[in-house]
Amino acid sequence: MRMVQPPLLAGTPSDVQIATEDDWVSVTPVYRGNWRLAYPKPLQSEPGLELYGDGLNYPQIKPLWIGAKFTGTIHFPAGANVNKKTD
Protein backbone atom coordinates (compact mmCIF):
# COMPACT_ATOMS: atom_id res chain seq x y z
CA MET A 1 0.00 0.00 0.00
CA ARG A 2 1.57 3.26 -1.11
CA MET A 3 0.98 6.33 1.04
CA VAL A 4 1.23 9.94 -0.10
CA GLN A 5 1.88 12.69 2.45
CA PRO A 6 1.16 16.37 1.78
CA PRO A 7 3.69 18.96 2.95
CA LEU A 8 3.57 19.57 6.71
CA LEU A 9 3.95 23.04 8.13
CA ALA A 10 6.74 23.53 10.67
CA GLY A 11 4.41 25.39 13.01
CA THR A 12 1.03 27.02 13.18
CA PRO A 13 1.17 30.27 11.19
CA SER A 14 -0.92 33.22 12.28
CA ASP A 15 -2.77 33.07 8.97
CA VAL A 16 -3.61 29.53 7.91
CA GLN A 17 -1.76 28.54 4.77
CA ILE A 18 -4.12 26.94 2.27
CA ALA A 19 -1.67 26.07 -0.50
CA THR A 20 2.05 25.48 -0.57
CA GLU A 21 4.72 25.05 -3.20
CA ASP A 22 6.49 22.29 -1.23
CA ASP A 23 6.70 18.75 -2.65
CA TRP A 24 4.44 15.91 -1.61
CA VAL A 25 6.19 12.72 -0.48
CA SER A 26 5.34 9.14 -1.44
CA VAL A 27 6.37 6.15 0.71
CA THR A 28 5.65 2.43 0.55
CA PRO A 29 5.82 0.91 4.05
CA VAL A 30 7.33 -2.55 4.54
CA TYR A 31 5.32 -4.89 6.78
CA ARG A 32 7.22 -7.63 8.65
CA GLY A 33 4.84 -9.81 10.60
CA ASN A 34 1.54 -11.61 10.35
CA TRP A 35 -1.98 -10.59 9.37
CA ARG A 36 -5.08 -12.42 10.52
CA LEU A 37 -8.81 -11.92 10.64
CA ALA A 38 -10.19 -10.19 13.68
CA TYR A 39 -13.73 -10.16 14.97
CA PRO A 40 -13.99 -7.08 17.20
CA LYS A 41 -16.94 -6.66 19.52
CA PRO A 42 -18.78 -3.33 19.57
CA LEU A 43 -18.25 -1.17 22.63
CA GLN A 44 -20.79 -1.71 25.38
CA SER A 45 -21.24 2.06 25.68
CA GLU A 46 -22.05 2.29 21.93
CA PRO A 47 -23.54 -1.05 20.95
CA GLY A 48 -25.15 0.18 17.73
CA LEU A 49 -28.30 -1.31 16.33
CA GLU A 50 -29.14 -5.01 16.51
CA LEU A 51 -30.53 -4.90 12.96
CA TYR A 52 -30.24 -2.39 10.12
CA GLY A 53 -32.87 -1.70 7.48
CA ASP A 54 -36.64 -1.67 7.76
CA GLY A 55 -37.28 -4.92 5.88
CA LEU A 56 -39.53 -3.12 3.36
CA ASN A 57 -37.52 -0.57 1.40
CA TYR A 58 -34.16 -2.03 2.38
CA PRO A 59 -33.44 -5.60 3.48
CA GLN A 60 -33.14 -6.07 7.21
CA ILE A 61 -29.58 -7.18 7.96
CA LYS A 62 -27.56 -7.99 11.06
CA PRO A 63 -24.10 -6.38 10.94
CA LEU A 64 -21.02 -8.59 10.94
CA TRP A 65 -18.09 -7.10 12.82
CA ILE A 66 -14.90 -8.11 10.98
CA GLY A 67 -11.47 -6.59 10.54
CA ALA A 68 -7.76 -7.38 10.37
CA LYS A 69 -5.12 -7.71 13.08
CA PHE A 70 -1.43 -7.16 12.36
CA THR A 71 1.32 -8.26 14.72
CA GLY A 72 4.86 -7.32 13.80
CA THR A 73 6.72 -4.21 12.73
CA ILE A 74 6.13 -1.61 10.05
CA HIS A 75 9.19 0.06 8.49
CA PHE A 76 8.75 3.44 6.81
CA PRO A 77 11.69 4.00 4.44
CA ALA A 78 12.75 7.45 3.25
CA GLY A 79 10.09 8.90 0.99
CA ALA A 80 10.43 10.01 -2.59
CA ASN A 81 9.23 13.40 -3.81
CA VAL A 82 6.14 13.25 -5.96
CA ASN A 83 6.48 15.17 -9.23
CA LYS A 84 4.68 18.48 -9.28
CA LYS A 85 1.98 19.08 -11.83
CA THR A 86 3.13 21.54 -14.47
CA ASP A 87 0.73 23.73 -16.43
PDB file of N, CA and C in Angstrom:
ATOM      1  N   MET A   1       0.850  -1.161   0.000  1.00  0.00           N
ATOM      2  CA  MET A   1       0.000   0.000   0.000  1.00  0.00           C
ATOM      3  C   MET A   1       0.902   1.231   0.000  1.00  0.00           C
ATOM      4  N   ARG A   2       0.786   2.028  -0.994  1.00  0.00           N
ATOM      5  CA  ARG A   2       1.565   3.255  -1.109  1.00  0.00           C
ATOM      6  C   ARG A   2       0.841   4.389  -0.411  1.00  0.00           C
ATOM      7  N   MET A   3       1.568   5.180   0.342  1.00  0.00           N
ATOM      8  CA  MET A   3       0.985   6.326   1.042  1.00  0.00           C
ATOM      9  C   MET A   3       1.586   7.602   0.481  1.00  0.00           C
ATOM     10  N   VAL A   4       0.769   8.641   0.372  1.00  0.00           N
ATOM     11  CA  VAL A   4       1.226   9.940  -0.102  1.00  0.00           C
ATOM     12  C   VAL A   4       0.941  10.961   0.978  1.00  0.00           C
ATOM     13  N   GLN A   5       1.981  11.722   1.370  1.00  0.00           N
ATOM     14  CA  GLN A   5       1.881  12.694   2.453  1.00  0.00           C
ATOM     15  C   GLN A   5       1.999  14.110   1.896  1.00  0.00           C
ATOM     16  N   PRO A   6       1.028  14.975   2.200  1.00  0.00           N
ATOM     17  CA  PRO A   6       1.157  16.368   1.778  1.00  0.00           C
ATOM     18  C   PRO A   6       2.219  17.068   2.627  1.00  0.00           C
ATOM     19  N   PRO A   7       2.699  18.222   2.174  1.00  0.00           N
ATOM     20  CA  PRO A   7       3.690  18.958   2.955  1.00  0.00           C
ATOM     21  C   PRO A   7       3.131  19.334   4.332  1.00  0.00           C
ATOM     22  N   LEU A   8       3.962  19.192   5.361  1.00  0.00           N
ATOM     23  CA  LEU A   8       3.569  19.570   6.707  1.00  0.00           C
ATOM     24  C   LEU A   8       4.196  20.909   7.051  1.00  0.00           C
ATOM     25  N   LEU A   9       3.430  21.758   7.705  1.00  0.00           N
ATOM     26  CA  LEU A   9       3.950  23.045   8.126  1.00  0.00           C
ATOM     27  C   LEU A   9       4.791  22.860   9.383  1.00  0.00           C
ATOM     28  N   ALA A  10       5.860  23.649   9.520  1.00  0.00           N
ATOM     29  CA  ALA A  10       6.742  23.530  10.675  1.00  0.00           C
ATOM     30  C   ALA A  10       6.046  23.980  11.949  1.00  0.00           C
ATOM     31  N   GLY A  11       5.135  24.895  11.853  1.00  0.00           N
ATOM     32  CA  GLY A  11       4.413  25.388  13.014  1.00  0.00           C
ATOM     33  C   GLY A  11       3.026  25.833  12.597  1.00  0.00           C
ATOM     34  N   THR A  12       2.353  26.504  13.489  1.00  0.00           N
ATOM     35  CA  THR A  12       1.031  27.023  13.176  1.00  0.00           C
ATOM     36  C   THR A  12       1.174  28.503  12.838  1.00  0.00           C
ATOM     37  N   PRO A  13       1.041  28.849  11.563  1.00  0.00           N
ATOM     38  CA  PRO A  13       1.169  30.265  11.193  1.00  0.00           C
ATOM     39  C   PRO A  13      -0.030  31.070  11.688  1.00  0.00           C
ATOM     40  N   SER A  14       0.178  32.372  11.821  1.00  0.00           N
ATOM     41  CA  SER A  14      -0.920  33.225  12.280  1.00  0.00           C
ATOM     42  C   SER A  14      -2.060  33.240  11.267  1.00  0.00           C
ATOM     43  N   ASP A  15      -1.736  33.199  10.000  1.00  0.00           N
ATOM     44  CA  ASP A  15      -2.772  33.070   8.975  1.00  0.00           C
ATOM     45  C   ASP A  15      -2.628  31.670   8.362  1.00  0.00           C
ATOM     46  N   VAL A  16      -3.672  30.907   8.354  1.00  0.00           N
ATOM     47  CA  VAL A  16      -3.612  29.527   7.912  1.00  0.00           C
ATOM     48  C   VAL A  16      -3.237  29.480   6.436  1.00  0.00           C
ATOM     49  N   GLN A  17      -2.230  28.675   6.143  1.00  0.00           N
ATOM     50  CA  GLN A  17      -1.761  28.543   4.771  1.00  0.00           C
ATOM     51  C   GLN A  17      -2.588  27.469   4.063  1.00  0.00           C
ATOM     52  N   ILE A  18      -3.258  27.868   2.997  1.00  0.00           N
ATOM     53  CA  ILE A  18      -4.119  26.938   2.269  1.00  0.00           C
ATOM     54  C   ILE A  18      -3.318  26.126   1.259  1.00  0.00           C
ATOM     55  N   ALA A  19      -2.448  26.752   0.521  1.00  0.00           N
ATOM     56  CA  ALA A  19      -1.671  26.074  -0.503  1.00  0.00           C
ATOM     57  C   ALA A  19      -0.189  26.286  -0.243  1.00  0.00           C
ATOM     58  N   THR A  20       0.612  25.373  -0.736  1.00  0.00           N
ATOM     59  CA  THR A  20       2.053  25.476  -0.567  1.00  0.00           C
ATOM     60  C   THR A  20       2.734  25.002  -1.836  1.00  0.00           C
ATOM     61  N   GLU A  21       3.940  25.451  -2.042  1.00  0.00           N
ATOM     62  CA  GLU A  21       4.723  25.050  -3.203  1.00  0.00           C
ATOM     63  C   GLU A  21       5.647  23.881  -2.883  1.00  0.00           C
ATOM     64  N   ASP A  22       5.631  23.387  -1.626  1.00  0.00           N
ATOM     65  CA  ASP A  22       6.491  22.286  -1.234  1.00  0.00           C
ATOM     66  C   ASP A  22       6.044  20.986  -1.905  1.00  0.00           C
ATOM     67  N   ASP A  23       6.987  20.038  -2.015  1.00  0.00           N
ATOM     68  CA  ASP A  23       6.699  18.750  -2.648  1.00  0.00           C
ATOM     69  C   ASP A  23       5.908  17.832  -1.724  1.00  0.00           C
ATOM     70  N   TRP A  24       5.091  16.993  -2.325  1.00  0.00           N
ATOM     71  CA  TRP A  24       4.442  15.909  -1.609  1.00  0.00           C
ATOM     72  C   TRP A  24       5.430  14.745  -1.585  1.00  0.00           C
ATOM     73  N   VAL A  25       5.284  13.849  -0.615  1.00  0.00           N
ATOM     74  CA  VAL A  25       6.194  12.722  -0.476  1.00  0.00           C
ATOM     75  C   VAL A  25       5.405  11.425  -0.566  1.00  0.00           C
ATOM     76  N   SER A  26       5.958  10.451  -1.306  1.00  0.00           N
ATOM     77  CA  SER A  26       5.342   9.137  -1.444  1.00  0.00           C
ATOM     78  C   SER A  26       6.235   8.109  -0.740  1.00  0.00           C
ATOM     79  N   VAL A  27       5.613   7.195   0.016  1.00  0.00           N
ATOM     80  CA  VAL A  27       6.367   6.155   0.710  1.00  0.00           C
ATOM     81  C   VAL A  27       5.561   4.854   0.676  1.00  0.00           C
ATOM     82  N   THR A  28       6.275   3.751   0.517  1.00  0.00           N
ATOM     83  CA  THR A  28       5.650   2.432   0.550  1.00  0.00           C
ATOM     84  C   THR A  28       6.175   1.706   1.791  1.00  0.00           C
ATOM     85  N   PRO A  29       5.348   1.572   2.832  1.00  0.00           N
ATOM     86  CA  PRO A  29       5.821   0.907   4.051  1.00  0.00           C
ATOM     87  C   PRO A  29       6.071  -0.591   3.824  1.00  0.00           C
ATOM     88  N   VAL A  30       6.996  -1.134   4.608  1.00  0.00           N
ATOM     89  CA  VAL A  30       7.334  -2.552   4.544  1.00  0.00           C
ATOM     90  C   VAL A  30       6.805  -3.209   5.817  1.00  0.00           C
ATOM     91  N   TYR A  31       5.928  -4.192   5.647  1.00  0.00           N
ATOM     92  CA  TYR A  31       5.321  -4.894   6.779  1.00  0.00           C
ATOM     93  C   TYR A  31       6.092  -6.183   7.023  1.00  0.00           C
ATOM     94  N   ARG A  32       6.554  -6.382   8.260  1.00  0.00           N
ATOM     95  CA  ARG A  32       7.221  -7.632   8.650  1.00  0.00           C
ATOM     96  C   ARG A  32       6.439  -8.212   9.821  1.00  0.00           C
ATOM     97  N   GLY A  33       5.654  -9.221   9.548  1.00  0.00           N
ATOM     98  CA  GLY A  33       4.835  -9.807  10.596  1.00  0.00           C
ATOM     99  C   GLY A  33       3.724 -10.640   9.999  1.00  0.00           C
ATOM    100  N   ASN A  34       2.656 -10.760  10.752  1.00  0.00           N
ATOM    101  CA  ASN A  34       1.535 -11.606  10.346  1.00  0.00           C
ATOM    102  C   ASN A  34       0.219 -10.841  10.397  1.00  0.00           C
ATOM    103  N   TRP A  35      -0.617 -11.114   9.414  1.00  0.00           N
ATOM    104  CA  TRP A  35      -1.979 -10.586   9.367  1.00  0.00           C
ATOM    105  C   TRP A  35      -2.936 -11.730   9.665  1.00  0.00           C
ATOM    106  N   ARG A  36      -4.036 -11.423  10.325  1.00  0.00           N
ATOM    107  CA  ARG A  36      -5.084 -12.418  10.523  1.00  0.00           C
ATOM    108  C   ARG A  36      -6.420 -11.715  10.656  1.00  0.00           C
ATOM    109  N   LEU A  37      -7.480 -12.480  10.473  1.00  0.00           N
ATOM    110  CA  LEU A  37      -8.812 -11.924  10.639  1.00  0.00           C
ATOM    111  C   LEU A  37      -9.069 -11.609  12.102  1.00  0.00           C
ATOM    112  N   ALA A  38      -9.810 -10.559  12.322  1.00  0.00           N
ATOM    113  CA  ALA A  38     -10.188 -10.186  13.685  1.00  0.00           C
ATOM    114  C   ALA A  38     -11.690  -9.950  13.710  1.00  0.00           C
ATOM    115  N   TYR A  39     -12.298 -10.342  14.782  1.00  0.00           N
ATOM    116  CA  TYR A  39     -13.734 -10.160  14.966  1.00  0.00           C
ATOM    117  C   TYR A  39     -13.953  -9.288  16.197  1.00  0.00           C
ATOM    118  N   PRO A  40     -13.832  -7.956  16.035  1.00  0.00           N
ATOM    119  CA  PRO A  40     -13.988  -7.079  17.198  1.00  0.00           C
ATOM    120  C   PRO A  40     -15.436  -7.044  17.667  1.00  0.00           C
ATOM    121  N   LYS A  41     -15.605  -6.813  18.947  1.00  0.00           N
ATOM    122  CA  LYS A  41     -16.942  -6.660  19.515  1.00  0.00           C
ATOM    123  C   LYS A  41     -17.229  -5.171  19.646  1.00  0.00           C
ATOM    124  N   PRO A  42     -18.458  -4.745  19.394  1.00  0.00           N
ATOM    125  CA  PRO A  42     -18.776  -3.328  19.565  1.00  0.00           C
ATOM    126  C   PRO A  42     -18.655  -2.943  21.035  1.00  0.00           C
ATOM    127  N   LEU A  43     -18.347  -1.678  21.267  1.00  0.00           N
ATOM    128  CA  LEU A  43     -18.248  -1.172  22.634  1.00  0.00           C
ATOM    129  C   LEU A  43     -19.583  -1.285  23.336  1.00  0.00           C
ATOM    130  N   GLN A  44     -19.554  -1.613  24.617  1.00  0.00           N
ATOM    131  CA  GLN A  44     -20.793  -1.712  25.385  1.00  0.00           C
ATOM    132  C   GLN A  44     -21.470  -0.356  25.513  1.00  0.00           C
ATOM    133  N   SER A  45     -20.660   0.724  25.553  1.00  0.00           N
ATOM    134  CA  SER A  45     -21.244   2.062  25.676  1.00  0.00           C
ATOM    135  C   SER A  45     -21.907   2.513  24.377  1.00  0.00           C
ATOM    136  N   GLU A  46     -21.474   1.961  23.241  1.00  0.00           N
ATOM    137  CA  GLU A  46     -22.050   2.294  21.933  1.00  0.00           C
ATOM    138  C   GLU A  46     -22.331   1.008  21.161  1.00  0.00           C
ATOM    139  N   PRO A  47     -23.328   0.262  21.572  1.00  0.00           N
ATOM    140  CA  PRO A  47     -23.541  -1.049  20.945  1.00  0.00           C
ATOM    141  C   PRO A  47     -24.050  -0.998  19.510  1.00  0.00           C
ATOM    142  N   GLY A  48     -24.590   0.121  19.067  1.00  0.00           N
ATOM    143  CA  GLY A  48     -25.147   0.176  17.727  1.00  0.00           C
ATOM    144  C   GLY A  48     -26.507  -0.497  17.683  1.00  0.00           C
ATOM    145  N   LEU A  49     -27.003  -0.677  16.500  1.00  0.00           N
ATOM    146  CA  LEU A  49     -28.304  -1.313  16.332  1.00  0.00           C
ATOM    147  C   LEU A  49     -28.147  -2.815  16.186  1.00  0.00           C
ATOM    148  N   GLU A  50     -29.135  -3.553  16.660  1.00  0.00           N
ATOM    149  CA  GLU A  50     -29.136  -5.007  16.509  1.00  0.00           C
ATOM    150  C   GLU A  50     -29.328  -5.378  15.035  1.00  0.00           C
ATOM    151  N   LEU A  51     -30.245  -4.683  14.374  1.00  0.00           N
ATOM    152  CA  LEU A  51     -30.531  -4.904  12.961  1.00  0.00           C
ATOM    153  C   LEU A  51     -30.566  -3.570  12.229  1.00  0.00           C
ATOM    154  N   TYR A  52     -30.185  -3.590  10.965  1.00  0.00           N
ATOM    155  CA  TYR A  52     -30.239  -2.395  10.123  1.00  0.00           C
ATOM    156  C   TYR A  52     -31.218  -2.638   8.984  1.00  0.00           C
ATOM    157  N   GLY A  53     -31.888  -1.597   8.552  1.00  0.00           N
ATOM    158  CA  GLY A  53     -32.865  -1.704   7.484  1.00  0.00           C
ATOM    159  C   GLY A  53     -34.259  -1.957   8.036  1.00  0.00           C
ATOM    160  N   ASP A  54     -35.263  -1.530   7.287  1.00  0.00           N
ATOM    161  CA  ASP A  54     -36.642  -1.671   7.761  1.00  0.00           C
ATOM    162  C   ASP A  54     -37.322  -2.948   7.269  1.00  0.00           C
ATOM    163  N   GLY A  55     -36.688  -3.691   6.382  1.00  0.00           N
ATOM    164  CA  GLY A  55     -37.277  -4.923   5.877  1.00  0.00           C
ATOM    165  C   GLY A  55     -38.263  -4.700   4.747  1.00  0.00           C
ATOM    166  N   LEU A  56     -38.599  -3.440   4.452  1.00  0.00           N
ATOM    167  CA  LEU A  56     -39.528  -3.125   3.359  1.00  0.00           C
ATOM    168  C   LEU A  56     -38.791  -2.482   2.199  1.00  0.00           C
ATOM    169  N   ASN A  57     -38.219  -1.305   2.447  1.00  0.00           N
ATOM    170  CA  ASN A  57     -37.516  -0.572   1.402  1.00  0.00           C
ATOM    171  C   ASN A  57     -36.053  -0.994   1.293  1.00  0.00           C
ATOM    172  N   TYR A  58     -35.541  -1.560   2.351  1.00  0.00           N
ATOM    173  CA  TYR A  58     -34.157  -2.031   2.382  1.00  0.00           C
ATOM    174  C   TYR A  58     -34.137  -3.319   3.194  1.00  0.00           C
ATOM    175  N   PRO A  59     -33.429  -4.338   2.737  1.00  0.00           N
ATOM    176  CA  PRO A  59     -33.435  -5.603   3.477  1.00  0.00           C
ATOM    177  C   PRO A  59     -32.949  -5.415   4.912  1.00  0.00           C
ATOM    178  N   GLN A  60     -33.555  -6.144   5.813  1.00  0.00           N
ATOM    179  CA  GLN A  60     -33.139  -6.072   7.209  1.00  0.00           C
ATOM    180  C   GLN A  60     -31.933  -6.995   7.387  1.00  0.00           C
ATOM    181  N   ILE A  61     -30.815  -6.414   7.833  1.00  0.00           N
ATOM    182  CA  ILE A  61     -29.583  -7.182   7.963  1.00  0.00           C
ATOM    183  C   ILE A  61     -29.029  -7.034   9.371  1.00  0.00           C
ATOM    184  N   LYS A  62     -28.274  -8.035   9.786  1.00  0.00           N
ATOM    185  CA  LYS A  62     -27.561  -7.989  11.056  1.00  0.00           C
ATOM    186  C   LYS A  62     -26.089  -7.738  10.721  1.00  0.00           C
ATOM    187  N   PRO A  63     -25.488  -6.699  11.298  1.00  0.00           N
ATOM    188  CA  PRO A  63     -24.099  -6.382  10.943  1.00  0.00           C
ATOM    189  C   PRO A  63     -23.133  -7.471  11.396  1.00  0.00           C
ATOM    190  N   LEU A  64     -22.081  -7.660  10.618  1.00  0.00           N
ATOM    191  CA  LEU A  64     -21.016  -8.592  10.942  1.00  0.00           C
ATOM    192  C   LEU A  64     -19.769  -7.766  11.230  1.00  0.00           C
ATOM    193  N   TRP A  65     -19.268  -7.861  12.420  1.00  0.00           N
ATOM    194  CA  TRP A  65     -18.086  -7.101  12.817  1.00  0.00           C
ATOM    195  C   TRP A  65     -16.850  -7.912  12.435  1.00  0.00           C
ATOM    196  N   ILE A  66     -16.084  -7.402  11.457  1.00  0.00           N
ATOM    197  CA  ILE A  66     -14.899  -8.111  10.979  1.00  0.00           C
ATOM    198  C   ILE A  66     -13.821  -7.092  10.646  1.00  0.00           C
ATOM    199  N   GLY A  67     -12.581  -7.484  10.824  1.00  0.00           N
ATOM    200  CA  GLY A  67     -11.470  -6.594  10.538  1.00  0.00           C
ATOM    201  C   GLY A  67     -10.196  -7.393  10.351  1.00  0.00           C
ATOM    202  N   ALA A  68      -9.056  -6.726  10.504  1.00  0.00           N
ATOM    203  CA  ALA A  68      -7.760  -7.377  10.368  1.00  0.00           C
ATOM    204  C   ALA A  68      -6.890  -6.999  11.555  1.00  0.00           C
ATOM    205  N   LYS A  69      -6.056  -7.948  11.981  1.00  0.00           N
ATOM    206  CA  LYS A  69      -5.120  -7.706  13.078  1.00  0.00           C
ATOM    207  C   LYS A  69      -3.720  -7.971  12.554  1.00  0.00           C
ATOM    208  N   PHE A  70      -2.815  -7.024  12.796  1.00  0.00           N
ATOM    209  CA  PHE A  70      -1.428  -7.157  12.364  1.00  0.00           C
ATOM    210  C   PHE A  70      -0.538  -7.204  13.590  1.00  0.00           C
ATOM    211  N   THR A  71       0.321  -8.194  13.666  1.00  0.00           N
ATOM    212  CA  THR A  71       1.322  -8.264  14.722  1.00  0.00           C
ATOM    213  C   THR A  71       2.682  -8.311  14.054  1.00  0.00           C
ATOM    214  N   GLY A  72       3.538  -7.397  14.407  1.00  0.00           N
ATOM    215  CA  GLY A  72       4.858  -7.318  13.802  1.00  0.00           C
ATOM    216  C   GLY A  72       5.351  -5.896  13.806  1.00  0.00           C
ATOM    217  N   THR A  73       6.166  -5.559  12.836  1.00  0.00           N
ATOM    218  CA  THR A  73       6.715  -4.210  12.731  1.00  0.00           C
ATOM    219  C   THR A  73       6.409  -3.635  11.350  1.00  0.00           C
ATOM    220  N   ILE A  74       6.329  -2.326  11.309  1.00  0.00           N
ATOM    221  CA  ILE A  74       6.133  -1.611  10.052  1.00  0.00           C
ATOM    222  C   ILE A  74       7.308  -0.663   9.890  1.00  0.00           C
ATOM    223  N   HIS A  75       8.038  -0.794   8.780  1.00  0.00           N
ATOM    224  CA  HIS A  75       9.192   0.064   8.494  1.00  0.00           C
ATOM    225  C   HIS A  75       8.794   1.089   7.440  1.00  0.00           C
ATOM    226  N   PHE A  76       9.027   2.361   7.750  1.00  0.00           N
ATOM    227  CA  PHE A  76       8.746   3.444   6.807  1.00  0.00           C
ATOM    228  C   PHE A  76      10.065   3.946   6.245  1.00  0.00           C
ATOM    229  N   PRO A  77      10.434   3.531   5.032  1.00  0.00           N
ATOM    230  CA  PRO A  77      11.687   3.999   4.443  1.00  0.00           C
ATOM    231  C   PRO A  77      11.591   5.475   4.064  1.00  0.00           C
ATOM    232  N   ALA A  78      12.739   6.045   3.695  1.00  0.00           N
ATOM    233  CA  ALA A  78      12.750   7.446   3.251  1.00  0.00           C
ATOM    234  C   ALA A  78      11.810   7.599   2.062  1.00  0.00           C
ATOM    235  N   GLY A  79      11.051   8.662   2.056  1.00  0.00           N
ATOM    236  CA  GLY A  79      10.089   8.896   0.994  1.00  0.00           C
ATOM    237  C   GLY A  79      10.717   9.494  -0.239  1.00  0.00           C
ATOM    238  N   ALA A  80       9.999   9.422  -1.322  1.00  0.00           N
ATOM    239  CA  ALA A  80      10.432  10.009  -2.585  1.00  0.00           C
ATOM    240  C   ALA A  80       9.501  11.173  -2.924  1.00  0.00           C
ATOM    241  N   ASN A  81      10.053  12.249  -3.427  1.00  0.00           N
ATOM    242  CA  ASN A  81       9.229  13.400  -3.808  1.00  0.00           C
ATOM    243  C   ASN A  81       8.326  13.027  -4.978  1.00  0.00           C
ATOM    244  N   VAL A  82       7.091  13.465  -4.887  1.00  0.00           N
ATOM    245  CA  VAL A  82       6.138  13.252  -5.964  1.00  0.00           C
ATOM    246  C   VAL A  82       6.271  14.424  -6.928  1.00  0.00           C
ATOM    247  N   ASN A  83       6.313  14.106  -8.222  1.00  0.00           N
ATOM    248  CA  ASN A  83       6.482  15.169  -9.232  1.00  0.00           C
ATOM    249  C   ASN A  83       5.341  16.171  -9.154  1.00  0.00           C
ATOM    250  N   LYS A  84       5.702  17.421  -9.287  1.00  0.00           N
ATOM    251  CA  LYS A  84       4.685  18.478  -9.280  1.00  0.00           C
ATOM    252  C   LYS A  84       3.986  18.516 -10.626  1.00  0.00           C
ATOM    253  N   LYS A  85       2.730  18.913 -10.598  1.00  0.00           N
ATOM    254  CA  LYS A  85       1.977  19.085 -11.831  1.00  0.00           C
ATOM    255  C   LYS A  85       2.424  20.390 -12.486  1.00  0.00           C
ATOM    256  N   THR A  86       2.727  20.336 -13.756  1.00  0.00           N
ATOM    257  CA  THR A  86       3.128  21.543 -14.467  1.00  0.00           C
ATOM    258  C   THR A  86       2.013  21.946 -15.424  1.00  0.00           C
ATOM    259  N   ASP A  87       1.784  23.226 -15.525  1.00  0.00           N
ATOM    260  CA  ASP A  87       0.727  23.729 -16.427  1.00  0.00           C
ATOM    261  C   ASP A  87       1.225  23.914 -17.820  1.00  0.00           C
TER     262      ASP A  87
END
